[in-house]
C-alpha atoms as a PDB file:
ATOM      1  CA  MET A   1     -77.002 -98.530   7.210  1.00  0.00           C
ATOM      2  CA  LEU A   2     -79.598 -99.942   4.805  1.00  0.00           C
ATOM      3  CA  LYS A   3     -80.510-102.854   7.075  1.00  0.00           C
ATOM      4  CA  GLU A   4     -80.006-100.958  10.322  1.00  0.00           C
ATOM      5  CA  ARG A   5     -82.003 -97.840   9.490  1.00  0.00           C
ATOM      6  CA  PHE A   6     -84.559 -99.041   6.951  1.00  0.00           C
ATOM      7  CA  GLY A   7     -84.841-102.772   7.697  1.00  0.00           C
ATOM      8  CA  VAL A   8     -83.942-103.694   4.113  1.00  0.00           C
ATOM      9  CA  SER A   9     -81.157-106.142   3.297  1.00  0.00           C
ATOM     10  CA  TYR A  10     -80.837-105.400  -0.424  1.00  0.00           C
ATOM     11  CA  LEU A  11     -81.845-102.858  -3.043  1.00  0.00           C
ATOM     12  CA  ARG A  12     -83.877-103.664  -6.107  1.00  0.00           C
ATOM     13  CA  PRO A  13     -81.988-103.071  -9.387  1.00  0.00           C
ATOM     14  CA  TYR A  14     -83.755 -99.791 -10.215  1.00  0.00           C
ATOM     15  CA  GLN A  15     -83.407 -98.560  -6.643  1.00  0.00           C
ATOM     16  CA  GLU A  16     -79.683 -99.177  -6.801  1.00  0.00           C
ATOM     17  CA  LEU A  17     -79.406 -97.401 -10.153  1.00  0.00           C
ATOM     18  CA  THR A  18     -81.501 -94.436  -9.005  1.00  0.00           C
ATOM     19  CA  ILE A  19     -79.558 -94.043  -5.758  1.00  0.00           C
ATOM     20  CA  ALA A  20     -76.264 -94.224  -7.667  1.00  0.00           C
ATOM     21  CA  HIS A  21     -77.478 -91.429  -9.974  1.00  0.00           C
ATOM     22  CA  ILE A  22     -78.548 -89.315  -7.002  1.00  0.00           C
ATOM     23  CA  MET A  23     -75.173 -89.747  -5.315  1.00  0.00           C
ATOM     24  CA  GLU A  24     -73.339 -88.994  -8.577  1.00  0.00           C
ATOM     25  CA  ALA A  25     -75.453 -85.880  -9.213  1.00  0.00           C
ATOM     26  CA  ARG A  26     -74.721 -84.688  -5.690  1.00  0.00           C
ATOM     27  CA  ASN A  27     -70.987 -85.161  -6.195  1.00  0.00           C
ATOM     28  CA  LYS A  28     -71.111 -83.247  -9.496  1.00  0.00           C
ATOM     29  CA  GLY A  29     -73.175 -80.473  -7.964  1.00  0.00           C
ATOM     30  CA  THR A  30     -76.170 -80.895 -10.281  1.00  0.00           C
ATOM     31  CA  GLY A  31     -78.558 -82.426  -7.743  1.00  0.00           C
ATOM     32  CA  ARG A  32     -81.694 -82.769  -9.909  1.00  0.00           C
ATOM     33  CA  ILE A  33     -83.162 -86.214 -10.493  1.00  0.00           C
ATOM     34  CA  LEU A  34     -86.475 -87.323 -11.962  1.00  0.00           C
ATOM     35  CA  CYS A  35     -87.396 -90.866 -11.015  1.00  0.00           C
ATOM     36  CA  CYS A  36     -90.520 -92.493 -12.497  1.00  0.00           C
ATOM     37  CA  LEU A  37     -91.105 -95.993 -11.181  1.00  0.00           C
ATOM     38  CA  PRO A  38     -94.327 -97.994 -10.811  1.00  0.00           C
ATOM     39  CA  THR A  39     -96.259 -98.289  -7.568  1.00  0.00           C
ATOM     40  CA  GLY A  40     -94.616-100.701  -5.142  1.00  0.00           C
ATOM     41  CA  SER A  41     -91.140-100.436  -6.636  1.00  0.00           C
ATOM     42  CA  GLY A  42     -89.579 -98.694  -3.647  1.00  0.00           C
ATOM     43  CA  LYS A  43     -89.365 -95.065  -4.738  1.00  0.00           C
ATOM     44  CA  SER A  44     -89.448 -93.798  -1.150  1.00  0.00           C
ATOM     45  CA  LEU A  45     -86.191 -95.546  -0.326  1.00  0.00           C
ATOM     46  CA  CYS A  46     -84.622 -93.977  -3.422  1.00  0.00           C
ATOM     47  CA  PHE A  47     -84.758 -90.551  -1.787  1.00  0.00           C
ATOM     48  CA  MET A  48     -84.695 -91.461   1.914  1.00  0.00           C
ATOM     49  CA  TYR A  49     -81.473 -93.485   1.746  1.00  0.00           C
ATOM     50  CA  PRO A  50     -79.300 -90.813   0.038  1.00  0.00           C
ATOM     51  CA  ILE A  51     -80.624 -88.150   2.410  1.00  0.00           C
ATOM     52  CA  ALA A  52     -79.643 -90.320   5.373  1.00  0.00           C
ATOM     53  CA  VAL A  53     -76.213 -91.115   3.932  1.00  0.00           C
ATOM     54  CA  LEU A  54     -75.380 -87.578   2.823  1.00  0.00           C
ATOM     55  CA  LYS A  55     -76.856 -85.977   5.959  1.00  0.00           C
ATOM     56  CA  LYS A  56     -78.014 -83.020   3.870  1.00  0.00           C
ATOM     57  CA  ARG A  57     -81.264 -81.152   3.630  1.00  0.00           C
ATOM     58  CA  CYS A  58     -83.585 -81.993   0.808  1.00  0.00           C
ATOM     59  CA  ILE A  59     -86.686 -80.479  -0.722  1.00  0.00           C
ATOM     60  CA  LEU A  60     -89.031 -83.231  -1.734  1.00  0.00           C
ATOM     61  CA  ILE A  61     -92.275 -82.909  -3.652  1.00  0.00           C
ATOM     62  CA  TYR A  62     -94.209 -86.059  -2.897  1.00  0.00           C
ATOM     63  CA  PRO A  63     -97.826 -85.852  -4.098  1.00  0.00           C
ATOM     64  CA  LEU A  64     -98.934 -89.308  -2.939  1.00  0.00           C
ATOM     65  CA  LEU A  65    -100.694 -88.075   0.220  1.00  0.00           C
ATOM     66  CA  SER A  66    -102.537 -85.442  -1.759  1.00  0.00           C
ATOM     67  CA  LEU A  67    -103.572 -88.040  -4.329  1.00  0.00           C
ATOM     68  CA  MET A  68    -104.810 -90.384  -1.606  1.00  0.00           C
ATOM     69  CA  ASN A  69    -106.851 -87.589   0.007  1.00  0.00           C
ATOM     70  CA  ASP A  70    -108.401 -86.660  -3.335  1.00  0.00           C
ATOM     71  CA  GLN A  71    -109.351 -90.264  -3.998  1.00  0.00           C
ATOM     72  CA  ALA A  72    -110.859 -90.646  -0.504  1.00  0.00           C
ATOM     73  CA  MET A  73    -112.962 -87.474  -0.955  1.00  0.00           C
ATOM     74  CA  ARG A  74    -114.242 -88.693  -4.331  1.00  0.00           C
ATOM     75  CA  PHE A  75    -115.088 -92.085  -2.892  1.00  0.00           C
ATOM     76  CA  SER A  76    -116.978 -90.600   0.064  1.00  0.00           C
ATOM     77  CA  ARG A  77    -119.089 -88.439  -2.285  1.00  0.00           C
ATOM     78  CA  ALA A  78    -120.227 -91.444  -4.331  1.00  0.00           C
END
């Protein structure tokens, strides 16, 4: 499914670890994960892949678009 749906043939080590924790938390019924990884490390796949595999609903707070809009507004004012 990773290659077919997301066009990726392998996971980076921290992606694999994060996804494993998400799947484990889901199985235990806890379901809360905090993942802090640097820009460009593949965080998006860390939540998109488990959602696709589990076929469950998910509430995601993803502030990147808001951050980008704020930065664009500041830049245009300068």
